[in-house]
């Protein structure tokens, strides 16, 4: 997998509705390839979320009308 594909897989896996199988099909690789390139998946999605450096966007504050 290319570095771009690995980044894309990590981004997609951050969303709970995406499965490893569906991402593997999208990228044209096997599930095993995903697990080989993303070893942090062996700890589950929470380990993946902890390992990414993606900054969270601030939540909009509600104004009191």
C-alpha atoms as a PDB file:
ATOM      1  CA  UNK A   1       0.000   0.000   0.000  1.00  0.00           C
ATOM      2  CA  UNK A   2       1.134   3.521  -0.679  1.00  0.00           C
ATOM      3  CA  UNK A   3       1.474   6.097   2.091  1.00  0.00           C
ATOM      4  CA  UNK A   4      -1.620   7.809   0.701  1.00  0.00           C
ATOM      5  CA  UNK A   5      -3.635   4.578   0.857  1.00  0.00           C
ATOM      6  CA  UNK A   6      -2.551   4.035   4.472  1.00  0.00           C
ATOM      7  CA  UNK A   7      -3.633   7.566   5.400  1.00  0.00           C
ATOM      8  CA  UNK A   8      -6.922   7.050   3.575  1.00  0.00           C
ATOM      9  CA  UNK A   9      -7.542   3.759   5.375  1.00  0.00           C
ATOM     10  CA  UNK A  10      -6.851   5.405   8.749  1.00  0.00           C
ATOM     11  CA  UNK A  11      -9.233   8.245   7.922  1.00  0.00           C
ATOM     12  CA  UNK A  12     -11.962   5.827   6.864  1.00  0.00           C
ATOM     13  CA  UNK A  13     -11.496   3.619   9.910  1.00  0.00           C
ATOM     14  CA  UNK A  14     -12.030   6.601  12.176  1.00  0.00           C
ATOM     15  CA  UNK A  15     -15.700   6.389  11.193  1.00  0.00           C
ATOM     16  CA  UNK A  16     -17.485   3.488  12.919  1.00  0.00           C
ATOM     17  CA  UNK A  17     -19.750   2.784   9.936  1.00  0.00           C
ATOM     18  CA  UNK A  18     -16.746   1.715   7.825  1.00  0.00           C
ATOM     19  CA  UNK A  19     -15.493  -1.842   8.124  1.00  0.00           C
ATOM     20  CA  UNK A  20     -12.039  -3.218   7.419  1.00  0.00           C
ATOM     21  CA  UNK A  21     -13.599  -5.388   4.708  1.00  0.00           C
ATOM     22  CA  UNK A  22     -15.282  -2.456   2.946  1.00  0.00           C
ATOM     23  CA  UNK A  23     -12.119  -0.345   3.103  1.00  0.00           C
ATOM     24  CA  UNK A  24     -10.024  -3.212   1.765  1.00  0.00           C
ATOM     25  CA  UNK A  25     -12.415  -3.589  -1.177  1.00  0.00           C
ATOM     26  CA  UNK A  26     -12.346   0.161  -1.824  1.00  0.00           C
ATOM     27  CA  UNK A  27      -8.547   0.218  -1.863  1.00  0.00           C
ATOM     28  CA  UNK A  28      -8.251  -3.027  -3.838  1.00  0.00           C
ATOM     29  CA  UNK A  29      -6.310  -4.891  -1.149  1.00  0.00           C
ATOM     30  CA  UNK A  30      -7.024  -7.758   1.214  1.00  0.00           C
ATOM     31  CA  UNK A  31      -8.112  -7.410   4.821  1.00  0.00           C
ATOM     32  CA  UNK A  32      -4.772  -8.925   5.830  1.00  0.00           C
ATOM     33  CA  UNK A  33      -2.982  -6.137   3.976  1.00  0.00           C
ATOM     34  CA  UNK A  34      -4.932  -3.546   5.962  1.00  0.00           C
ATOM     35  CA  UNK A  35      -3.971  -5.270   9.218  1.00  0.00           C
ATOM     36  CA  UNK A  36      -0.328  -5.536   8.112  1.00  0.00           C
ATOM     37  CA  UNK A  37      -0.054  -1.829   7.310  1.00  0.00           C
ATOM     38  CA  UNK A  38      -2.107  -0.714  10.322  1.00  0.00           C
ATOM     39  CA  UNK A  39      -0.779  -2.877  13.165  1.00  0.00           C
ATOM     40  CA  UNK A  40      -2.489  -0.600  15.671  1.00  0.00           C
ATOM     41  CA  UNK A  41      -5.792  -2.147  14.533  1.00  0.00           C
ATOM     42  CA  UNK A  42      -4.927  -5.261  16.495  1.00  0.00           C
ATOM     43  CA  UNK A  43      -5.759  -3.230  19.606  1.00  0.00           C
ATOM     44  CA  UNK A  44      -9.128  -2.269  18.119  1.00  0.00           C
ATOM     45  CA  UNK A  45     -10.480   1.004  16.781  1.00  0.00           C
ATOM     46  CA  UNK A  46      -9.809   2.851  20.023  1.00  0.00           C
ATOM     47  CA  UNK A  47      -6.103   2.110  19.668  1.00  0.00           C
ATOM     48  CA  UNK A  48      -6.282   3.417  16.121  1.00  0.00           C
ATOM     49  CA  UNK A  49      -7.995   6.611  17.237  1.00  0.00           C
ATOM     50  CA  UNK A  50      -5.345   7.145  19.915  1.00  0.00           C
ATOM     51  CA  UNK A  51      -2.542   6.627  17.406  1.00  0.00           C
ATOM     52  CA  UNK A  52      -3.739   9.187  14.867  1.00  0.00           C
ATOM     53  CA  UNK A  53      -2.655  12.777  15.126  1.00  0.00           C
ATOM     54  CA  UNK A  54      -5.846  14.193  13.675  1.00  0.00           C
ATOM     55  CA  UNK A  55      -6.906  17.271  15.582  1.00  0.00           C
ATOM     56  CA  UNK A  56     -10.493  17.412  16.663  1.00  0.00           C
ATOM     57  CA  UNK A  57     -12.508  20.324  15.438  1.00  0.00           C
ATOM     58  CA  UNK A  58     -14.016  22.486  18.160  1.00  0.00           C
ATOM     59  CA  UNK A  59     -17.718  22.046  18.661  1.00  0.00           C
ATOM     60  CA  UNK A  60     -19.778  25.110  17.881  1.00  0.00           C
ATOM     61  CA  UNK A  61     -21.129  26.812  20.950  1.00  0.00           C
ATOM     62  CA  UNK A  62     -24.808  27.508  21.186  1.00  0.00           C
ATOM     63  CA  UNK A  63     -25.822  31.061  21.738  1.00  0.00           C
ATOM     64  CA  UNK A  64     -28.505  31.796  24.256  1.00  0.00           C
ATOM     65  CA  UNK A  65     -31.306  33.383  22.247  1.00  0.00           C
END
